[in-house]
Amino acid sequence: WMIRILEKYYSKKFQIDTKTITEKQYDILHEKIVDYFGPYAGYAQQFLFKMERENYQKKWL
């Protein structure tokens, strides 16, 4: 779900070409997220998830 949200709002920064990711791809993506959001990466994840769920009336993407 977070991959879809990142692609939707941050497609230029976080490009993911597959539906599933390997452990190595996950580690690379994690580093990009931490670099972008800094110490607030966890808060950003919670905020983006909550916002997207509310936008879609708590239905999954």
N, C-alpha and C. Protein backbone atom coordinates (compact mmCIF):
# COMPACT_ATOMS: atom_id res chain seq x y z
N TRP A 1 0.82 -1.21 0.00
CA TRP A 1 0.00 0.00 0.00
C TRP A 1 0.85 1.26 0.00
N MET A 2 1.97 1.24 0.71
CA MET A 2 2.82 2.44 0.73
C MET A 2 3.49 2.66 -0.62
N ILE A 3 3.82 1.59 -1.32
CA ILE A 3 4.42 1.75 -2.64
C ILE A 3 3.45 2.47 -3.56
N ARG A 4 2.20 2.10 -3.52
CA ARG A 4 1.19 2.76 -4.36
C ARG A 4 1.04 4.23 -4.00
N ILE A 5 1.05 4.52 -2.71
CA ILE A 5 0.91 5.92 -2.27
C ILE A 5 2.13 6.73 -2.69
N LEU A 6 3.32 6.17 -2.52
CA LEU A 6 4.53 6.88 -2.93
C LEU A 6 4.54 7.13 -4.43
N GLU A 7 4.11 6.13 -5.20
CA GLU A 7 4.05 6.31 -6.65
C GLU A 7 3.04 7.40 -7.02
N LYS A 8 1.95 7.46 -6.31
CA LYS A 8 0.89 8.43 -6.62
C LYS A 8 1.34 9.87 -6.34
N TYR A 9 1.94 10.11 -5.19
CA TYR A 9 2.26 11.48 -4.78
C TYR A 9 3.72 11.88 -5.02
N TYR A 10 4.60 10.90 -5.13
CA TYR A 10 6.03 11.19 -5.27
C TYR A 10 6.62 10.39 -6.42
N SER A 11 5.93 10.30 -7.54
CA SER A 11 6.36 9.43 -8.64
C SER A 11 7.73 9.81 -9.21
N LYS A 12 8.08 11.07 -9.17
CA LYS A 12 9.38 11.47 -9.69
C LYS A 12 10.52 11.07 -8.76
N LYS A 13 10.23 11.01 -7.48
CA LYS A 13 11.27 10.69 -6.49
C LYS A 13 11.38 9.19 -6.25
N PHE A 14 10.25 8.49 -6.22
CA PHE A 14 10.23 7.07 -5.90
C PHE A 14 9.60 6.30 -7.05
N GLN A 15 10.42 5.82 -7.96
CA GLN A 15 9.91 5.07 -9.11
C GLN A 15 10.08 3.58 -8.85
N ILE A 16 8.98 2.86 -8.87
CA ILE A 16 8.98 1.42 -8.66
C ILE A 16 8.32 0.80 -9.89
N ASP A 17 9.05 -0.08 -10.56
CA ASP A 17 8.57 -0.63 -11.83
C ASP A 17 7.84 -1.96 -11.69
N THR A 18 7.85 -2.55 -10.51
CA THR A 18 7.22 -3.85 -10.33
C THR A 18 6.17 -3.79 -9.23
N LYS A 19 5.28 -4.78 -9.21
CA LYS A 19 4.26 -4.83 -8.16
C LYS A 19 4.84 -5.37 -6.86
N THR A 20 5.82 -6.25 -6.97
CA THR A 20 6.50 -6.77 -5.78
C THR A 20 7.95 -6.34 -5.84
N ILE A 21 8.56 -6.23 -4.67
CA ILE A 21 9.95 -5.80 -4.64
C ILE A 21 10.78 -6.82 -3.88
N THR A 22 12.03 -6.91 -4.27
CA THR A 22 12.95 -7.81 -3.59
C THR A 22 13.45 -7.14 -2.31
N GLU A 23 14.15 -7.91 -1.51
CA GLU A 23 14.70 -7.36 -0.27
C GLU A 23 15.69 -6.24 -0.57
N LYS A 24 16.50 -6.42 -1.62
CA LYS A 24 17.47 -5.39 -2.00
C LYS A 24 16.75 -4.12 -2.45
N GLN A 25 15.69 -4.27 -3.28
CA GLN A 25 14.92 -3.11 -3.72
C GLN A 25 14.27 -2.41 -2.54
N TYR A 26 13.79 -3.20 -1.58
CA TYR A 26 13.18 -2.63 -0.38
C TYR A 26 14.20 -1.79 0.39
N ASP A 27 15.40 -2.33 0.55
CA ASP A 27 16.45 -1.61 1.27
C ASP A 27 16.79 -0.29 0.57
N ILE A 28 16.87 -0.32 -0.75
CA ILE A 28 17.17 0.89 -1.51
C ILE A 28 16.04 1.90 -1.36
N LEU A 29 14.80 1.42 -1.48
CA LEU A 29 13.64 2.30 -1.31
C LEU A 29 13.60 2.89 0.09
N HIS A 30 13.89 2.08 1.08
CA HIS A 30 13.91 2.55 2.47
C HIS A 30 14.92 3.68 2.64
N GLU A 31 16.10 3.52 2.08
CA GLU A 31 17.13 4.56 2.17
C GLU A 31 16.67 5.85 1.49
N LYS A 32 16.02 5.74 0.33
CA LYS A 32 15.52 6.93 -0.37
C LYS A 32 14.46 7.64 0.47
N ILE A 33 13.58 6.86 1.09
CA ILE A 33 12.52 7.44 1.92
C ILE A 33 13.12 8.16 3.12
N VAL A 34 14.07 7.52 3.78
CA VAL A 34 14.71 8.14 4.95
C VAL A 34 15.49 9.38 4.52
N ASP A 35 16.16 9.32 3.38
CA ASP A 35 16.88 10.50 2.89
C ASP A 35 15.93 11.65 2.59
N TYR A 36 14.77 11.34 2.02
CA TYR A 36 13.81 12.37 1.63
C TYR A 36 13.08 12.97 2.84
N PHE A 37 12.54 12.11 3.70
CA PHE A 37 11.73 12.58 4.83
C PHE A 37 12.55 12.79 6.10
N GLY A 38 13.77 12.30 6.12
CA GLY A 38 14.63 12.48 7.28
C GLY A 38 14.10 11.78 8.51
N PRO A 39 14.28 12.39 9.68
CA PRO A 39 13.85 11.75 10.92
C PRO A 39 12.33 11.64 11.04
N TYR A 40 11.62 12.24 10.11
CA TYR A 40 10.15 12.20 10.15
C TYR A 40 9.57 11.15 9.21
N ALA A 41 10.38 10.23 8.72
CA ALA A 41 9.93 9.22 7.76
C ALA A 41 8.78 8.39 8.33
N GLY A 42 8.86 8.01 9.58
CA GLY A 42 7.79 7.22 10.20
C GLY A 42 6.49 8.01 10.29
N TYR A 43 6.61 9.28 10.67
CA TYR A 43 5.42 10.14 10.73
C TYR A 43 4.83 10.32 9.33
N ALA A 44 5.70 10.50 8.34
CA ALA A 44 5.24 10.68 6.96
C ALA A 44 4.46 9.45 6.50
N GLN A 45 4.96 8.26 6.84
CA GLN A 45 4.27 7.03 6.47
C GLN A 45 2.88 6.99 7.09
N GLN A 46 2.79 7.29 8.36
CA GLN A 46 1.49 7.27 9.04
C GLN A 46 0.54 8.31 8.46
N PHE A 47 1.04 9.50 8.21
CA PHE A 47 0.20 10.57 7.67
C PHE A 47 -0.31 10.22 6.27
N LEU A 48 0.60 9.76 5.40
CA LEU A 48 0.20 9.42 4.03
C LEU A 48 -0.82 8.29 4.02
N PHE A 49 -0.61 7.28 4.84
CA PHE A 49 -1.54 6.16 4.90
C PHE A 49 -2.91 6.62 5.38
N LYS A 50 -2.93 7.40 6.47
CA LYS A 50 -4.20 7.88 7.02
C LYS A 50 -4.93 8.77 6.01
N MET A 51 -4.20 9.67 5.37
CA MET A 51 -4.80 10.56 4.39
C MET A 51 -5.41 9.77 3.24
N GLU A 52 -4.69 8.81 2.72
CA GLU A 52 -5.18 8.04 1.58
C GLU A 52 -6.39 7.20 1.97
N ARG A 53 -6.38 6.63 3.16
CA ARG A 53 -7.53 5.84 3.62
C ARG A 53 -8.76 6.72 3.77
N GLU A 54 -8.60 7.92 4.30
CA GLU A 54 -9.73 8.83 4.45
C GLU A 54 -10.23 9.32 3.09
N ASN A 55 -9.32 9.55 2.16
CA ASN A 55 -9.73 9.97 0.82
C ASN A 55 -10.55 8.91 0.11
N TYR A 56 -10.28 7.66 0.41
CA TYR A 56 -11.00 6.55 -0.23
C TYR A 56 -12.00 5.91 0.71
N GLN A 57 -12.47 6.66 1.68
CA GLN A 57 -13.47 6.21 2.65
C GLN A 57 -13.10 4.87 3.27
N LYS A 58 -11.82 4.78 3.66
CA LYS A 58 -11.26 3.62 4.36
C LYS A 58 -11.31 2.33 3.55
N LYS A 59 -11.30 2.46 2.23
CA LYS A 59 -11.20 1.29 1.35
C LYS A 59 -9.75 1.18 0.90
N TRP A 60 -9.32 -0.02 0.65
CA TRP A 60 -7.95 -0.22 0.17
C TRP A 60 -7.83 0.30 -1.25
N LEU A 61 -6.64 0.68 -1.63
CA LEU A 61 -6.38 1.19 -2.98
C LEU A 61 -6.57 0.09 -4.00
